[in-house]
Amino acid sequence: MATYRPGSNTLLKSDSILDYVLHTTVYPREHERLRELRLITQNHPRSFMGSSPDQMQFFSVLLKMIGARNAVEVGVFTGYSLLATALALPDDGKVVAIDVSREYYELGRPVIENAGVAHKVDFRHGDGLAVLDQLLAGGDGEGKFDFAYADADKEQYRGYHERLVRLVRVGGVVAYDNTLWGGSVAMPRDTPGSSAYDRVVRDYMVGFNAMVAADDRVEACLLPVADGVTLCRRLNLPLHATFACPPSLVKLSQRSMSMACTKVWRSTIYTRRLKRTTPASRVSSTAMAAANGDASHGANGGIQIQSKEMKTAIHSNDSPKTLLKSESLHEYMLNTMVYPRENEFMRELRLITSEHTYGFMSSPPEEGQLLSLLLKLTGAKNTIEVGVFTGCSVLATALAIPDDGKVVAIDVSREYFDLGLPVIKKAGVAHKVDFREGAAMPILDNLLANEENEGKFDFAFVDADKGNYGEYHERLLRLVRAGGVLAYDNTLWGGSVALEDDSVLEEFDQDIRRSIVVFNAKIAGDPRVEAVQLPVSDGITLCRRLV
């Protein structure tokens, strides 16, 4: 049996963090038919082949963010992900669903029909590559689709990619599942106890990830959601442009792999739970605030440092801000998908910030990459940011929005922002930045005093004093347009939100933990937004405004 997932069904440092996300953010909002089909799938002998509910919640929000109408899915199984897609599309939308097994699809079809979305589903029984080729041969398939999702035979991912990049429109999304394969991509190939199948799939995923990272036809982001999700945004290149895969990857793609077609075989990674890894309760936690020292956190849009003596903390310059189960996995994601595509000015500012005493206060590069991708996918032009520090996230935003876009950046400290301002100027985007020094609450209230600002902004990002997240939310909901996005950082707080209330934490940590737990519950119960919580960096919550 494989040991790539020792005692865990998650890429995170503990199962309790995933359980917290599911019970706080996912299950309370889960559509009743999705729940019905999820439970049916869980009772199937091959239940491990089904997509995870947190992943489907993310896709549902993403589909609505980009205004998707036409989708294609390669690998269906019982149709759980298919149902999530169909529910997210408008009534005249369509999802082409491809699978070699009609038997599995028939298990979920009655639920899809009862959900009232069967008219959106065009099920195609057959080999994935062959059906995609048929769509392309039809003449009207190229650039037709807004969203594509592949969760099928991994050795064919490169073939799917070449076809799906042509089928999806410019600005559309192609998503691939299982691209971290239980974290094995970051482990030696000969890890003791790994099955021959797992080693082969691991090789395919390593090769596929490297290929996507080097493909200049797409902008990509690798997320530690479920078993790893790679998102690709198609860039404006000719439809028939092809990617010259490096020889080493060509050799990898030609390796033989005995495997039934779509979604039939999975590895022992998914079929056995071994001894649990270190629980979240054993994670050292002291000052996990953005400043992580003695700090006041009033309505300030930042952190006012009262003492330069830093306590030992999870979020420090000596430890990466990640919820992943191993540093090697985090480093793999950075070195494979983040750093190779990092803008030169983003890199310069990141390195400057990393040398600062409070460098850990900055948004990590993988988070900046995600924000950049979301800004482009949603076509954001006007944004607002509460909590700036040296400006890493501000620079990522300014680089992503159009030349006539604007980001209102709020922080109590101009001193920190001035450290990054020369790089922002060098990047040629300073004209997009409207920096406002001062406490965030009064500045937001001043913006709201002008009725023209209500619904003016497309995107908001908050990484400031956690105790005021709820108040920021109320104001930003009025400033962001319907369909716009609000993003909140640190909403899993080093995993401490999953601990028991009586867990041993320092007072400051416990205060922040309580604030975040209350905020997460508020968002989960807020009918004005559709929310998703992602385990990126220290946890980021995305809210799509409904009304």
Protein backbone atom coordinates (compact mmCIF):
# COMPACT_ATOMS: atom_id res chain seq x y z
CA MET A 1 0.00 0.00 0.00
CA ALA A 2 1.16 3.52 -0.72
CA THR A 3 2.46 5.75 2.03
CA TYR A 4 2.19 9.02 0.15
CA ARG A 5 -0.85 9.95 2.25
CA PRO A 6 0.06 8.66 5.72
CA GLY A 7 -3.07 8.87 7.81
CA SER A 8 -4.60 11.73 5.87
CA ASN A 9 -7.05 12.40 3.06
CA THR A 10 -5.79 15.95 2.67
CA LEU A 11 -2.70 17.85 1.60
CA LEU A 12 -2.97 19.93 4.77
CA LYS A 13 -1.07 19.56 8.01
CA SER A 14 -4.06 17.90 9.68
CA ASP A 15 -7.43 16.43 8.76
CA SER A 16 -9.02 18.70 11.35
CA ILE A 17 -8.38 21.76 9.18
CA LEU A 18 -10.22 20.20 6.25
CA ASP A 19 -13.04 19.10 8.56
CA TYR A 20 -13.31 22.66 9.86
CA VAL A 21 -13.59 24.07 6.33
CA LEU A 22 -16.18 21.48 5.35
CA HIS A 23 -18.41 21.97 8.38
CA THR A 24 -18.03 25.75 8.55
CA THR A 25 -18.10 26.86 4.92
CA VAL A 26 -19.04 23.94 2.65
CA TYR A 27 -21.78 21.75 4.12
CA PRO A 28 -23.99 24.59 5.45
CA ARG A 29 -24.30 25.97 1.90
CA GLU A 30 -24.30 22.68 -0.03
CA HIS A 31 -27.19 22.27 -2.46
CA GLU A 32 -29.54 19.50 -1.31
CA ARG A 33 -29.13 17.54 -4.55
CA LEU A 34 -25.35 17.83 -4.39
CA ARG A 35 -25.50 16.45 -0.87
CA GLU A 36 -27.73 13.60 -2.05
CA LEU A 37 -25.35 12.65 -4.85
CA ARG A 38 -22.30 13.04 -2.63
CA LEU A 39 -23.75 10.55 -0.15
CA ILE A 40 -24.66 8.13 -2.95
CA THR A 41 -21.11 8.37 -4.27
CA GLN A 42 -19.61 7.85 -0.81
CA ASN A 43 -21.34 4.47 -0.60
CA HIS A 44 -19.85 3.30 -3.91
CA PRO A 45 -16.84 0.92 -3.77
CA ARG A 46 -14.90 3.43 -5.87
CA SER A 47 -16.02 6.46 -3.88
CA PHE A 48 -12.44 7.76 -3.81
CA MET A 49 -12.87 8.61 -7.50
CA GLY A 50 -15.42 11.31 -6.71
CA SER A 51 -14.57 15.01 -6.60
CA SER A 52 -14.39 16.63 -3.16
CA PRO A 53 -17.16 18.99 -1.98
CA ASP A 54 -14.77 21.84 -1.11
CA GLN A 55 -13.32 21.66 -4.60
CA MET A 56 -16.77 21.73 -6.18
CA GLN A 57 -17.79 24.69 -4.05
CA PHE A 58 -14.75 26.55 -5.39
CA PHE A 59 -15.56 25.62 -8.99
CA SER A 60 -19.16 26.72 -8.54
CA VAL A 61 -18.08 30.16 -7.36
CA LEU A 62 -15.40 30.35 -10.06
CA LEU A 63 -17.87 29.50 -12.83
CA LYS A 64 -20.12 32.33 -11.71
CA MET A 65 -17.20 34.74 -11.31
CA ILE A 66 -16.21 34.28 -14.95
CA GLY A 67 -19.78 34.20 -16.24
CA ALA A 68 -19.37 30.72 -17.73
CA ARG A 69 -22.11 29.49 -20.06
CA ASN A 70 -20.52 26.56 -21.90
CA ALA A 71 -18.34 23.96 -20.16
CA VAL A 72 -16.72 20.64 -20.97
CA GLU A 73 -15.78 17.92 -18.49
CA VAL A 74 -13.50 14.96 -19.13
CA GLY A 75 -14.13 12.29 -16.51
CA VAL A 76 -17.57 12.14 -14.91
CA PHE A 77 -17.90 9.09 -12.62
CA THR A 78 -21.30 9.45 -10.85
CA GLY A 79 -21.68 13.06 -11.94
CA TYR A 80 -21.05 14.94 -8.68
CA SER A 81 -18.77 17.50 -10.32
CA LEU A 82 -21.05 17.54 -13.34
CA LEU A 83 -24.03 18.43 -11.16
CA ALA A 84 -22.06 21.20 -9.47
CA THR A 85 -21.21 22.65 -12.87
CA ALA A 86 -24.76 22.37 -14.20
CA LEU A 87 -26.16 24.10 -11.12
CA ALA A 88 -23.68 26.96 -11.54
CA LEU A 89 -24.37 27.58 -15.23
CA PRO A 90 -27.29 29.75 -16.38
CA ASP A 91 -30.47 28.03 -17.52
CA ASP A 92 -29.43 28.15 -21.16
CA GLY A 93 -25.91 26.90 -20.37
CA LYS A 94 -24.51 23.57 -21.46
CA VAL A 95 -21.85 21.18 -20.16
CA VAL A 96 -20.46 18.48 -22.44
CA ALA A 97 -19.65 15.56 -20.13
CA ILE A 98 -17.32 12.82 -21.39
CA ASP A 99 -16.70 9.43 -19.80
CA VAL A 100 -15.99 5.85 -20.90
CA SER A 101 -18.44 4.52 -18.30
CA ARG A 102 -22.13 5.17 -18.73
CA GLU A 103 -22.78 2.77 -15.84
CA TYR A 104 -21.32 5.13 -13.25
CA TYR A 105 -23.05 8.16 -14.77
CA GLU A 106 -26.42 6.40 -14.59
CA LEU A 107 -26.05 6.21 -10.79
CA GLY A 108 -26.15 9.98 -10.56
CA ARG A 109 -28.41 10.82 -13.49
CA PRO A 110 -31.68 10.57 -11.50
CA VAL A 111 -30.34 13.10 -8.99
CA ILE A 112 -29.29 15.42 -11.83
CA GLU A 113 -32.79 15.14 -13.28
CA ASN A 114 -34.42 15.83 -9.91
CA ALA A 115 -32.21 18.92 -9.58
CA GLY A 116 -33.84 20.27 -12.75
CA VAL A 117 -30.59 20.69 -14.68
CA ALA A 118 -30.54 17.60 -16.93
CA HIS A 119 -31.31 19.81 -19.93
CA LYS A 120 -27.90 21.46 -19.46
CA VAL A 121 -26.02 18.14 -19.68
CA ASP A 122 -24.77 16.68 -22.96
CA PHE A 123 -23.30 13.32 -21.95
CA ARG A 124 -20.89 11.77 -24.47
CA HIS A 125 -20.00 8.13 -23.91
CA GLY A 126 -16.52 7.36 -25.19
CA ASP A 127 -12.79 7.95 -25.03
CA GLY A 128 -11.89 11.47 -23.89
CA LEU A 129 -9.33 12.26 -26.59
CA ALA A 130 -11.58 10.92 -29.35
CA VAL A 131 -14.59 12.96 -28.24
CA LEU A 132 -12.49 16.13 -27.89
CA ASP A 133 -11.16 15.56 -31.41
CA GLN A 134 -14.74 15.27 -32.63
CA LEU A 135 -15.59 18.59 -31.01
CA LEU A 136 -12.60 20.22 -32.70
CA ALA A 137 -13.44 18.63 -36.06
CA GLY A 138 -16.93 20.10 -35.87
CA GLY A 139 -15.55 23.52 -36.73
CA ASP A 140 -17.50 25.45 -34.13
CA GLY A 141 -15.80 23.93 -31.10
CA GLU A 142 -12.65 26.05 -31.04
CA GLY A 143 -12.96 28.85 -28.53
CA LYS A 144 -16.56 27.87 -27.73
CA PHE A 145 -16.15 26.87 -24.10
CA ASP A 146 -15.68 29.10 -21.06
CA PHE A 147 -14.56 26.38 -18.67
CA ALA A 148 -13.06 22.91 -18.91
CA TYR A 149 -12.37 20.37 -16.20
CA ALA A 150 -10.27 17.22 -16.55
CA ASP A 151 -10.29 14.51 -13.91
CA ALA A 152 -9.55 11.41 -15.91
CA ASP A 153 -6.63 9.18 -16.91
CA LYS A 154 -3.51 11.06 -15.88
CA GLU A 155 -1.24 9.80 -18.64
CA GLN A 156 -3.48 11.60 -21.12
CA TYR A 157 -3.43 14.98 -19.39
CA ARG A 158 -0.97 16.41 -21.92
CA GLY A 159 -3.22 15.28 -24.76
CA TYR A 160 -6.26 16.76 -23.06
CA HIS A 161 -4.38 20.01 -22.50
CA GLU A 162 -3.49 20.41 -26.18
CA ARG A 163 -7.14 19.99 -27.14
CA LEU A 164 -8.77 21.90 -24.30
CA VAL A 165 -6.57 24.96 -24.82
CA ARG A 166 -8.06 25.16 -28.32
CA LEU A 167 -11.63 24.49 -27.20
CA VAL A 168 -11.65 27.12 -24.44
CA ARG A 169 -12.00 30.81 -25.35
CA VAL A 170 -9.35 33.41 -24.70
CA GLY A 171 -9.70 34.27 -21.02
CA GLY A 172 -11.42 30.97 -20.29
CA VAL A 173 -10.29 28.42 -17.72
CA VAL A 174 -8.99 24.86 -17.96
CA ALA A 175 -8.81 23.03 -14.62
CA TYR A 176 -6.99 19.78 -13.88
CA ASP A 177 -7.53 17.60 -10.82
CA ASN A 178 -5.06 15.51 -8.78
CA THR A 179 -2.01 17.50 -9.88
CA LEU A 180 -0.30 17.08 -6.50
CA TRP A 181 -1.21 13.38 -6.24
CA GLY A 182 -1.32 13.13 -2.49
CA GLY A 183 1.83 15.24 -2.17
CA SER A 184 3.90 12.54 -3.89
CA VAL A 185 5.12 15.01 -6.51
CA ALA A 186 7.32 16.53 -3.80
CA MET A 187 8.68 13.18 -2.63
CA PRO A 188 11.45 10.98 -4.00
CA ARG A 189 10.18 8.58 -6.63
CA ASP A 190 11.43 5.59 -4.63
CA THR A 191 9.65 6.54 -1.40
CA PRO A 192 9.40 3.30 0.63
CA GLY A 193 5.99 1.67 0.46
CA SER A 194 4.81 3.46 -2.65
CA SER A 195 3.06 1.33 -5.22
CA ALA A 196 4.33 0.95 -8.78
CA TYR A 197 1.12 2.62 -9.97
CA ASP A 198 1.62 5.62 -7.68
CA ARG A 199 5.19 6.05 -8.88
CA VAL A 200 4.10 6.11 -12.50
CA VAL A 201 1.24 8.55 -11.87
CA ARG A 202 3.58 10.70 -9.79
CA ASP A 203 5.94 10.87 -12.77
CA TYR A 204 3.13 11.90 -15.07
CA MET A 205 2.01 14.64 -12.70
CA VAL A 206 5.54 15.97 -12.24
CA GLY A 207 5.97 16.08 -16.01
CA PHE A 208 2.54 17.60 -16.61
CA ASN A 209 3.05 20.33 -14.01
CA ALA A 210 6.41 21.25 -15.55
CA MET A 211 4.82 21.39 -18.99
CA VAL A 212 2.01 23.69 -17.87
CA ALA A 213 4.45 25.95 -16.02
CA ALA A 214 6.42 26.39 -19.25
CA ASP A 215 3.41 26.78 -21.56
CA ASP A 216 3.25 30.42 -22.67
CA ARG A 217 -0.28 29.94 -24.02
CA VAL A 218 -1.69 29.92 -20.49
CA GLU A 219 -1.36 31.66 -17.14
CA ALA A 220 -1.39 28.95 -14.49
CA CYS A 221 -1.90 28.55 -10.78
CA LEU A 222 -1.45 25.38 -8.69
CA LEU A 223 -3.73 25.24 -5.65
CA PRO A 224 -3.60 22.81 -2.68
CA VAL A 225 -7.36 22.24 -2.88
CA ALA A 226 -8.44 18.60 -2.49
CA ASP A 227 -5.65 16.59 -4.19
CA GLY A 228 -4.23 19.57 -6.03
CA VAL A 229 -5.98 21.67 -8.69
CA THR A 230 -4.19 23.41 -11.53
CA LEU A 231 -6.02 26.35 -13.08
CA CYS A 232 -5.00 27.59 -16.54
CA ARG A 233 -6.26 30.84 -18.01
CA ARG A 234 -5.94 30.84 -21.77
CA LEU A 235 -3.98 33.80 -23.11
CA ASN A 236 -4.48 35.58 -26.41
CA LEU A 237 -2.40 33.41 -28.74
CA PRO A 238 -3.47 31.80 -32.05
CA LEU A 239 -5.81 28.85 -31.61
CA HIS A 240 -3.47 26.53 -33.45
CA ALA A 241 -0.34 27.49 -31.53
CA THR A 242 1.29 24.41 -30.09
CA PHE A 243 3.59 23.99 -27.14
CA ALA A 244 7.05 22.56 -27.77
CA CYS A 245 7.38 20.16 -24.88
CA PRO A 246 10.95 19.70 -23.58
CA PRO A 247 12.51 16.37 -24.66
CA SER A 248 12.54 15.10 -21.08
CA LEU A 249 8.79 15.55 -20.88
CA VAL A 250 8.22 13.95 -24.26
CA LYS A 251 10.14 10.91 -23.02
CA LEU A 252 8.01 10.87 -19.89
CA SER A 253 4.76 11.07 -21.85
CA GLN A 254 5.80 8.06 -23.92
CA ARG A 255 6.27 5.77 -20.96
CA SER A 256 3.92 2.82 -20.96
CA MET A 257 1.18 2.77 -18.37
CA SER A 258 -1.44 0.03 -18.17
CA MET A 259 -4.69 1.70 -17.27
CA ALA A 260 -8.36 1.45 -18.12
CA CYS A 261 -9.79 4.66 -19.53
CA THR A 262 -11.43 7.55 -17.80
CA LYS A 263 -11.56 7.47 -14.01
CA VAL A 264 -11.55 3.68 -13.69
CA TRP A 265 -8.32 3.08 -11.77
CA ARG A 266 -6.94 5.07 -8.90
CA SER A 267 -4.08 4.27 -6.61
CA THR A 268 -3.80 2.88 -3.14
CA ILE A 269 -3.22 6.48 -2.06
CA TYR A 270 -6.98 6.85 -1.92
CA THR A 271 -8.03 3.53 -0.46
CA ARG A 272 -6.43 3.26 2.96
CA ARG A 273 -5.95 5.50 5.98
CA LEU A 274 -2.84 4.79 8.01
CA LYS A 275 -1.59 6.26 11.26
CA ARG A 276 -2.45 9.95 11.62
CA THR A 277 0.16 12.62 11.17
CA THR A 278 0.88 15.27 13.78
CA PRO A 279 -2.45 16.86 14.76
CA ALA A 280 -3.00 20.60 14.52
CA SER A 281 -3.15 20.80 18.31
CA ARG A 282 0.59 20.15 18.45
CA VAL A 283 1.43 23.05 16.15
CA SER A 284 3.33 25.75 18.01
CA SER A 285 1.22 28.89 18.11
CA THR A 286 1.96 32.16 19.84
CA ALA A 287 1.66 35.47 18.04
CA MET A 288 0.03 34.59 14.73
CA ALA A 289 -1.17 38.09 13.89
CA ALA A 290 0.11 39.94 10.90
CA ALA A 291 2.64 41.73 13.04
CA ASN A 292 3.11 38.89 15.47
CA GLY A 293 4.54 40.95 18.27
CA ASP A 294 2.88 43.07 20.92
CA ALA A 295 0.39 44.88 18.74
CA SER A 296 -2.76 46.89 18.93
CA HIS A 297 -5.36 45.94 16.39
CA GLY A 298 -8.09 48.53 16.35
CA ALA A 299 -9.75 50.02 13.29
CA ASN A 300 -6.44 50.65 11.67
CA GLY A 301 -6.20 48.81 8.37
CA GLY A 302 -2.83 47.48 9.46
CA ILE A 303 -0.88 46.60 12.59
CA GLN A 304 0.63 49.12 14.96
CA ILE A 305 3.78 47.57 16.39
CA GLN A 306 4.29 48.46 20.03
CA SER A 307 7.33 46.32 20.63
CA LYS A 308 10.20 45.32 18.39
CA GLU A 309 10.81 42.19 20.43
CA MET A 310 9.19 39.40 18.47
CA LYS A 311 7.85 36.25 20.08
CA THR A 312 8.40 32.79 18.67
CA ALA A 313 5.58 32.30 16.19
CA ILE A 314 4.19 30.21 13.37
CA HIS A 315 4.28 33.22 11.07
CA SER A 316 7.88 34.34 11.24
CA ASN A 317 10.70 34.93 8.81
CA ASP A 318 12.02 31.48 9.72
CA SER A 319 8.89 29.54 8.82
CA PRO A 320 6.83 29.61 5.62
CA LYS A 321 3.25 30.79 5.83
CA THR A 322 1.60 27.58 4.73
CA LEU A 323 -1.00 25.08 5.89
CA LEU A 324 0.49 22.22 3.88
CA LYS A 325 1.60 18.99 5.47
CA SER A 326 5.24 19.40 4.49
CA GLU A 327 7.63 22.19 3.59
CA SER A 328 8.82 20.11 0.65
CA LEU A 329 5.34 20.22 -0.87
CA HIS A 330 5.16 23.96 -0.41
CA GLU A 331 8.59 24.38 -1.98
CA TYR A 332 7.60 22.14 -4.89
CA MET A 333 4.60 24.34 -5.66
CA LEU A 334 6.69 27.51 -5.44
CA ASN A 335 9.56 26.21 -7.55
CA THR A 336 7.34 24.54 -10.14
CA MET A 337 4.49 26.98 -10.74
CA VAL A 338 5.13 30.26 -8.90
CA TYR A 339 8.75 31.38 -9.22
CA PRO A 340 9.20 30.45 -12.90
CA ARG A 341 6.35 32.81 -13.87
CA GLU A 342 6.95 35.49 -11.23
CA ASN A 343 7.10 39.05 -12.55
CA GLU A 344 10.61 40.49 -12.14
CA PHE A 345 9.32 43.42 -10.06
CA MET A 346 7.23 41.12 -7.88
CA ARG A 347 10.37 39.12 -7.23
CA GLU A 348 12.39 42.24 -6.42
CA LEU A 349 9.81 43.48 -3.92
CA ARG A 350 9.41 40.01 -2.42
CA LEU A 351 13.14 39.80 -1.74
CA ILE A 352 13.23 43.31 -0.28
CA THR A 353 10.30 42.45 1.98
CA SER A 354 11.81 39.13 3.06
CA GLU A 355 14.78 41.02 4.53
CA HIS A 356 12.50 43.16 6.70
CA THR A 357 12.08 42.34 10.39
CA TYR A 358 8.36 41.85 9.81
CA GLY A 359 8.69 40.30 6.37
CA PHE A 360 6.27 37.53 7.27
CA MET A 361 3.49 40.14 7.32
CA SER A 362 3.54 40.22 3.54
CA SER A 363 1.27 38.26 1.23
CA PRO A 364 3.16 35.15 0.03
CA PRO A 365 3.92 34.80 -3.69
CA GLU A 366 1.47 31.94 -4.26
CA GLU A 367 -1.31 34.09 -2.87
CA GLY A 368 -0.30 36.98 -5.10
CA GLN A 369 -0.37 34.63 -8.08
CA LEU A 370 -3.91 33.52 -7.22
CA LEU A 371 -5.12 37.10 -6.72
CA SER A 372 -3.59 38.11 -10.04
CA LEU A 373 -5.35 35.27 -11.82
CA LEU A 374 -8.71 36.05 -10.20
CA LEU A 375 -8.44 39.74 -11.06
CA LYS A 376 -7.93 38.91 -14.72
CA LEU A 377 -10.61 36.22 -14.81
CA THR A 378 -13.18 38.62 -13.39
CA GLY A 379 -12.07 41.55 -15.54
CA ALA A 380 -11.51 43.73 -12.47
CA LYS A 381 -10.70 47.39 -13.08
CA ASN A 382 -11.31 49.16 -9.77
CA THR A 383 -10.10 47.51 -6.58
CA ILE A 384 -9.62 48.32 -2.93
CA GLU A 385 -7.12 46.92 -0.44
CA VAL A 386 -7.18 47.17 3.34
CA GLY A 387 -3.74 46.47 4.79
CA VAL A 388 -0.75 47.10 2.54
CA PHE A 389 2.61 46.67 4.36
CA THR A 390 5.36 47.01 1.70
CA GLY A 391 2.90 46.64 -1.14
CA CYS A 392 3.45 43.12 -2.52
CA SER A 393 -0.27 42.48 -2.97
CA VAL A 394 -0.78 46.04 -4.20
CA LEU A 395 1.86 45.51 -6.88
CA ALA A 396 0.31 42.16 -7.88
CA THR A 397 -3.04 43.90 -8.21
CA ALA A 398 -1.68 46.90 -10.12
CA LEU A 399 0.09 44.60 -12.57
CA ALA A 400 -3.10 42.58 -13.15
CA ILE A 401 -5.65 45.36 -13.72
CA PRO A 402 -5.79 47.33 -16.99
CA ASP A 403 -3.77 50.49 -17.55
CA ASP A 404 -6.72 52.73 -16.64
CA GLY A 405 -7.52 50.67 -13.53
CA LYS A 406 -7.12 51.86 -9.97
CA VAL A 407 -6.40 50.27 -6.59
CA VAL A 408 -7.25 52.24 -3.46
CA ALA A 409 -4.66 51.02 -0.95
CA ILE A 410 -5.28 51.73 2.76
CA ASP A 411 -2.76 51.37 5.59
CA VAL A 412 -1.83 53.15 8.81
CA SER A 413 1.86 53.01 7.90
CA ARG A 414 3.27 54.94 4.98
CA GLU A 415 6.73 54.01 6.23
CA TYR A 416 6.32 50.37 5.17
CA PHE A 417 4.62 51.26 1.90
CA ASP A 418 7.45 53.62 1.02
CA LEU A 419 9.83 50.66 1.11
CA GLY A 420 8.03 49.14 -1.84
CA LEU A 421 7.02 52.32 -3.67
CA PRO A 422 10.27 52.60 -5.70
CA VAL A 423 9.68 49.09 -7.08
CA ILE A 424 6.05 49.92 -7.87
CA LYS A 425 7.24 53.00 -9.75
CA LYS A 426 9.92 51.00 -11.56
CA ALA A 427 7.23 48.52 -12.64
CA GLY A 428 5.37 51.39 -14.31
CA VAL A 429 2.13 50.95 -12.38
CA ALA A 430 2.36 53.67 -9.71
CA HIS A 431 -0.31 55.68 -11.57
CA LYS A 432 -2.80 52.91 -10.74
CA VAL A 433 -2.19 53.13 -6.98
CA ASP A 434 -4.14 55.54 -4.77
CA PHE A 435 -2.47 55.12 -1.36
CA ARG A 436 -4.46 56.42 1.61
CA GLU A 437 -2.69 56.61 4.94
CA GLY A 438 -4.81 56.26 8.04
CA ALA A 439 -7.23 54.08 9.95
CA ALA A 440 -9.24 51.95 7.53
CA MET A 441 -12.70 52.36 9.04
CA PRO A 442 -12.90 56.16 8.65
CA ILE A 443 -11.46 55.95 5.14
CA LEU A 444 -14.05 53.36 4.11
CA ASP A 445 -16.78 55.48 5.69
CA ASN A 446 -15.54 58.51 3.75
CA LEU A 447 -15.72 56.51 0.53
CA LEU A 448 -19.29 55.46 1.36
CA ALA A 449 -20.24 59.07 2.08
CA ASN A 450 -20.05 59.59 -1.67
CA GLU A 451 -22.94 57.61 -3.17
CA GLU A 452 -21.05 57.25 -6.44
CA ASN A 453 -18.64 54.87 -4.72
CA GLU A 454 -21.32 52.33 -3.81
CA GLY A 455 -20.91 49.37 -6.13
CA LYS A 456 -17.94 51.05 -7.82
CA PHE A 457 -15.31 48.43 -7.03
CA ASP A 458 -14.87 45.04 -8.69
CA PHE A 459 -12.56 43.46 -6.14
CA ALA A 460 -11.52 43.98 -2.52
CA PHE A 461 -8.68 42.38 -0.55
CA VAL A 462 -8.35 42.57 3.24
CA ASP A 463 -5.22 41.63 5.15
CA ALA A 464 -5.38 43.83 8.23
CA ASP A 465 -6.54 43.70 11.86
CA LYS A 466 -8.56 40.51 12.23
CA GLY A 467 -10.84 41.79 14.97
CA ASN A 468 -12.40 44.22 12.51
CA TYR A 469 -12.93 41.87 9.60
CA GLY A 470 -16.67 41.80 10.26
CA GLU A 471 -16.88 45.61 10.15
CA TYR A 472 -14.78 45.78 7.01
CA HIS A 473 -17.08 43.22 5.44
CA GLU A 474 -20.17 45.35 6.03
CA ARG A 475 -18.59 48.38 4.40
CA LEU A 476 -16.92 46.56 1.52
CA LEU A 477 -20.18 44.81 0.60
CA ARG A 478 -21.56 48.25 -0.21
CA LEU A 479 -18.48 49.36 -2.10
CA VAL A 480 -18.11 46.22 -4.25
CA ARG A 481 -20.57 45.68 -7.10
CA ALA A 482 -22.96 42.74 -7.32
CA GLY A 483 -20.96 39.88 -8.82
CA GLY A 484 -17.73 41.42 -7.50
CA VAL A 485 -15.31 39.65 -5.19
CA LEU A 486 -14.16 40.25 -1.61
CA ALA A 487 -11.08 38.34 -0.45
CA TYR A 488 -9.99 37.96 3.18
CA ASP A 489 -6.54 36.72 4.19
CA ASN A 490 -5.50 34.57 7.19
CA THR A 491 -8.93 33.00 7.69
CA LEU A 492 -7.48 29.67 8.81
CA TRP A 493 -4.91 31.33 11.07
CA GLY A 494 -2.20 28.69 11.02
CA GLY A 495 -4.84 25.98 11.44
CA SER A 496 -5.73 27.23 14.94
CA VAL A 497 -9.39 27.72 13.96
CA ALA A 498 -9.72 23.93 13.95
CA LEU A 499 -8.53 23.60 17.56
CA GLU A 500 -10.79 23.20 20.57
CA ASP A 501 -11.77 26.37 22.43
CA ASP A 502 -9.74 25.30 25.46
CA SER A 503 -6.57 24.61 23.47
CA VAL A 504 -3.40 26.00 25.00
CA LEU A 505 -2.60 29.19 23.14
CA GLU A 506 -1.14 32.47 24.22
CA GLU A 507 -3.73 35.14 24.92
CA PHE A 508 -2.96 37.08 21.77
CA ASP A 509 -3.26 33.97 19.59
CA GLN A 510 -6.48 32.98 21.28
CA ASP A 511 -7.97 36.44 20.72
CA ILE A 512 -7.14 36.34 17.03
CA ARG A 513 -8.38 32.78 16.71
CA ARG A 514 -11.72 33.73 18.28
CA SER A 515 -12.08 36.71 15.95
CA ILE A 516 -11.45 34.58 12.88
CA VAL A 517 -13.81 31.81 14.03
CA VAL A 518 -16.58 34.37 14.53
CA PHE A 519 -15.85 35.96 11.16
CA ASN A 520 -15.89 32.63 9.33
CA ALA A 521 -19.25 31.79 10.88
CA LYS A 522 -20.56 35.22 9.86
CA ILE A 523 -19.53 34.68 6.25
CA ALA A 524 -20.95 31.14 6.16
CA GLY A 525 -24.33 32.50 7.25
CA ASP A 526 -24.36 35.67 5.13
CA PRO A 527 -27.04 35.35 2.38
CA ARG A 528 -25.59 38.37 0.56
CA VAL A 529 -22.51 36.44 -0.58
CA GLU A 530 -21.48 33.09 -1.97
CA ALA A 531 -18.26 32.10 -0.24
CA VAL A 532 -15.41 29.61 -0.52
CA GLN A 533 -12.49 29.05 1.82
CA LEU A 534 -9.20 28.00 0.22
CA PRO A 535 -6.17 26.60 2.11
CA VAL A 536 -3.79 28.84 0.15
CA SER A 537 -1.02 30.31 2.32
CA ASP A 538 -2.69 30.95 5.70
CA GLY A 539 -6.23 30.55 4.38
CA ILE A 540 -8.07 32.90 2.04
CA THR A 541 -11.83 33.37 1.92
CA LEU A 542 -13.41 34.50 -1.36
CA CYS A 543 -16.87 36.06 -1.29
CA ARG A 544 -18.85 36.73 -4.43
CA ARG A 545 -21.43 39.42 -3.77
CA LEU A 546 -24.93 38.29 -4.73
CA VAL A 547 -27.06 41.37 -4.06
